[in-house]
Amino acid sequence: MQASDRFNINSQLEHLQAKYVGTGHADLTRFEWAVNIQRDSYASYIGHYPMLAYFAIAENESIGRERYNFMQKMLLPCGLPPERDEDCGASA
C-alpha cells in the first residue's frame, strides 16, 4: 500500500465520520459511543412498525405507549454521563 492510498482511505474515513454521527471519531468516549448505539436502536424500533408491535405484545402495552416509552428512553439511554476530569487532555 502506498502513502497516497493511506491518505485517501483516511480522508474517506474522515468524510464518513463528519457526515454520519454514528461512525464515531478519535475523540469519542465509550459513553458517547454507547449512547449513539442505544439511540439508534430505539429510533429503529420506533421506525419499524412490526418491531414496535413485537415489543408492545411482549410487554403487554399498547403500541402508542411503547413508542412513548422508547422516546423517553432516548433522552438518557445510558444514564447520566460520567464525571470528567478537568485536566483530561490538557498538557503543559
C-alpha atoms as a PDB file:
ATOM      1  CA  MET A   1       0.000   0.000   0.000  1.00  0.00           C
ATOM      2  CA  GLN A   2       1.345   3.380  -0.973  1.00  0.00           C
ATOM      3  CA  ALA A   3       1.262   6.537   1.095  1.00  0.00           C
ATOM      4  CA  SER A   4      -1.278   8.111  -1.266  1.00  0.00           C
ATOM      5  CA  ASP A   5      -3.619   5.135  -0.745  1.00  0.00           C
ATOM      6  CA  ARG A   6      -3.427   5.541   3.033  1.00  0.00           C
ATOM      7  CA  PHE A   7      -4.113   9.268   2.730  1.00  0.00           C
ATOM      8  CA  ASN A   8      -7.112   8.555   0.502  1.00  0.00           C
ATOM      9  CA  ILE A   9      -8.518   5.957   2.919  1.00  0.00           C
ATOM     10  CA  ASN A  10      -8.066   8.320   5.881  1.00  0.00           C
ATOM     11  CA  SER A  11      -9.729  11.194   4.046  1.00  0.00           C
ATOM     12  CA  GLN A  12     -12.671   8.944   3.141  1.00  0.00           C
ATOM     13  CA  LEU A  13     -12.987   7.845   6.765  1.00  0.00           C
ATOM     14  CA  GLU A  14     -12.907  11.454   7.968  1.00  0.00           C
ATOM     15  CA  HIS A  15     -15.607  12.333   5.429  1.00  0.00           C
ATOM     16  CA  LEU A  16     -17.844   9.495   6.652  1.00  0.00           C
ATOM     17  CA  GLN A  17     -17.282  10.452  10.283  1.00  0.00           C
ATOM     18  CA  ALA A  18     -18.243  14.048   9.546  1.00  0.00           C
ATOM     19  CA  LYS A  19     -21.318  13.018   7.560  1.00  0.00           C
ATOM     20  CA  TYR A  20     -22.691  10.293   9.849  1.00  0.00           C
ATOM     21  CA  VAL A  21     -22.663  10.821  13.617  1.00  0.00           C
ATOM     22  CA  GLY A  22     -22.819   7.108  14.451  1.00  0.00           C
ATOM     23  CA  THR A  23     -19.488   6.283  12.802  1.00  0.00           C
ATOM     24  CA  GLY A  24     -17.605   7.977  15.636  1.00  0.00           C
ATOM     25  CA  HIS A  25     -14.303   9.791  15.671  1.00  0.00           C
ATOM     26  CA  ALA A  26     -10.993   9.646  17.501  1.00  0.00           C
ATOM     27  CA  ASP A  27     -12.198  11.683  20.497  1.00  0.00           C
ATOM     28  CA  LEU A  28     -15.424   9.723  21.041  1.00  0.00           C
ATOM     29  CA  THR A  29     -15.691   8.342  24.563  1.00  0.00           C
ATOM     30  CA  ARG A  30     -17.030   4.912  25.412  1.00  0.00           C
ATOM     31  CA  PHE A  31     -20.114   6.510  26.985  1.00  0.00           C
ATOM     32  CA  GLU A  32     -20.878   8.631  23.888  1.00  0.00           C
ATOM     33  CA  TRP A  33     -20.488   5.564  21.681  1.00  0.00           C
ATOM     34  CA  ALA A  34     -22.915   3.589  23.872  1.00  0.00           C
ATOM     35  CA  VAL A  35     -25.436   6.466  23.792  1.00  0.00           C
ATOM     36  CA  ASN A  36     -25.269   6.555  19.973  1.00  0.00           C
ATOM     37  CA  ILE A  37     -25.872   2.805  19.766  1.00  0.00           C
ATOM     38  CA  GLN A  38     -28.827   2.926  22.179  1.00  0.00           C
ATOM     39  CA  ARG A  39     -30.444   5.910  20.451  1.00  0.00           C
ATOM     40  CA  ASP A  40     -30.017   4.319  17.035  1.00  0.00           C
ATOM     41  CA  SER A  41     -31.652   1.150  18.349  1.00  0.00           C
ATOM     42  CA  TYR A  42     -34.629   2.990  19.860  1.00  0.00           C
ATOM     43  CA  ALA A  43     -35.083   5.043  16.680  1.00  0.00           C
ATOM     44  CA  SER A  44     -35.067   1.830  14.655  1.00  0.00           C
ATOM     45  CA  TYR A  45     -37.643   0.222  16.949  1.00  0.00           C
ATOM     46  CA  ILE A  46     -39.922   3.260  16.609  1.00  0.00           C
ATOM     47  CA  GLY A  47     -39.459   3.466  12.849  1.00  0.00           C
ATOM     48  CA  HIS A  48     -40.156  -0.198  12.096  1.00  0.00           C
ATOM     49  CA  TYR A  49     -43.774  -0.885  12.935  1.00  0.00           C
ATOM     50  CA  PRO A  50     -43.517  -4.702  13.123  1.00  0.00           C
ATOM     51  CA  MET A  51     -40.675  -4.435  15.629  1.00  0.00           C
ATOM     52  CA  LEU A  52     -42.648  -1.894  17.657  1.00  0.00           C
ATOM     53  CA  ALA A  53     -45.673  -4.218  17.608  1.00  0.00           C
ATOM     54  CA  TYR A  54     -43.480  -7.102  18.762  1.00  0.00           C
ATOM     55  CA  PHE A  55     -42.235  -5.118  21.761  1.00  0.00           C
ATOM     56  CA  ALA A  56     -45.784  -3.955  22.554  1.00  0.00           C
ATOM     57  CA  ILE A  57     -47.071  -7.528  22.606  1.00  0.00           C
ATOM     58  CA  ALA A  58     -44.090  -8.781  24.617  1.00  0.00           C
ATOM     59  CA  GLU A  59     -44.583  -6.103  27.268  1.00  0.00           C
ATOM     60  CA  ASN A  60     -48.411  -6.180  27.145  1.00  0.00           C
ATOM     61  CA  GLU A  61     -48.599  -2.470  26.320  1.00  0.00           C
ATOM     62  CA  SER A  62     -50.287  -0.516  23.553  1.00  0.00           C
ATOM     63  CA  ILE A  63     -48.184   0.415  20.536  1.00  0.00           C
ATOM     64  CA  GLY A  64     -48.550   4.124  21.318  1.00  0.00           C
ATOM     65  CA  ARG A  65     -47.421   3.608  24.914  1.00  0.00           C
ATOM     66  CA  GLU A  66     -44.433   1.568  23.743  1.00  0.00           C
ATOM     67  CA  ARG A  67     -43.491   4.287  21.234  1.00  0.00           C
ATOM     68  CA  TYR A  68     -43.740   6.884  24.018  1.00  0.00           C
ATOM     69  CA  ASN A  69     -41.577   4.754  26.334  1.00  0.00           C
ATOM     70  CA  PHE A  70     -38.896   4.365  23.663  1.00  0.00           C
ATOM     71  CA  MET A  71     -38.857   8.118  23.018  1.00  0.00           C
ATOM     72  CA  GLN A  72     -38.486   8.758  26.752  1.00  0.00           C
ATOM     73  CA  LYS A  73     -35.597   6.280  26.911  1.00  0.00           C
ATOM     74  CA  MET A  74     -33.863   8.147  24.085  1.00  0.00           C
ATOM     75  CA  LEU A  75     -33.327  11.164  26.364  1.00  0.00           C
ATOM     76  CA  LEU A  76     -30.834   9.417  28.672  1.00  0.00           C
ATOM     77  CA  PRO A  77     -30.410   5.900  27.282  1.00  0.00           C
ATOM     78  CA  CYS A  78     -27.322   5.082  29.358  1.00  0.00           C
ATOM     79  CA  GLY A  79     -27.989   7.238  32.402  1.00  0.00           C
ATOM     80  CA  LEU A  80     -26.120  10.371  33.332  1.00  0.00           C
ATOM     81  CA  PRO A  81     -22.704  10.898  31.738  1.00  0.00           C
ATOM     82  CA  PRO A  82     -19.699  10.008  33.886  1.00  0.00           C
ATOM     83  CA  GLU A  83     -17.766  12.744  35.631  1.00  0.00           C
ATOM     84  CA  ARG A  84     -14.919  14.098  33.509  1.00  0.00           C
ATOM     85  CA  ASP A  85     -11.552  15.186  34.831  1.00  0.00           C
ATOM     86  CA  GLU A  86     -10.814  18.881  34.384  1.00  0.00           C
ATOM     87  CA  ASP A  87      -7.215  18.059  33.443  1.00  0.00           C
ATOM     88  CA  CYS A  88      -8.204  15.481  30.832  1.00  0.00           C
ATOM     89  CA  GLY A  89      -6.405  16.182  27.577  1.00  0.00           C
ATOM     90  CA  ALA A  90      -4.576  19.259  28.834  1.00  0.00           C
ATOM     91  CA  SER A  91      -0.826  19.100  28.506  1.00  0.00           C
ATOM     92  CA  ALA A  92       1.607  21.687  29.806  1.00  0.00           C
END
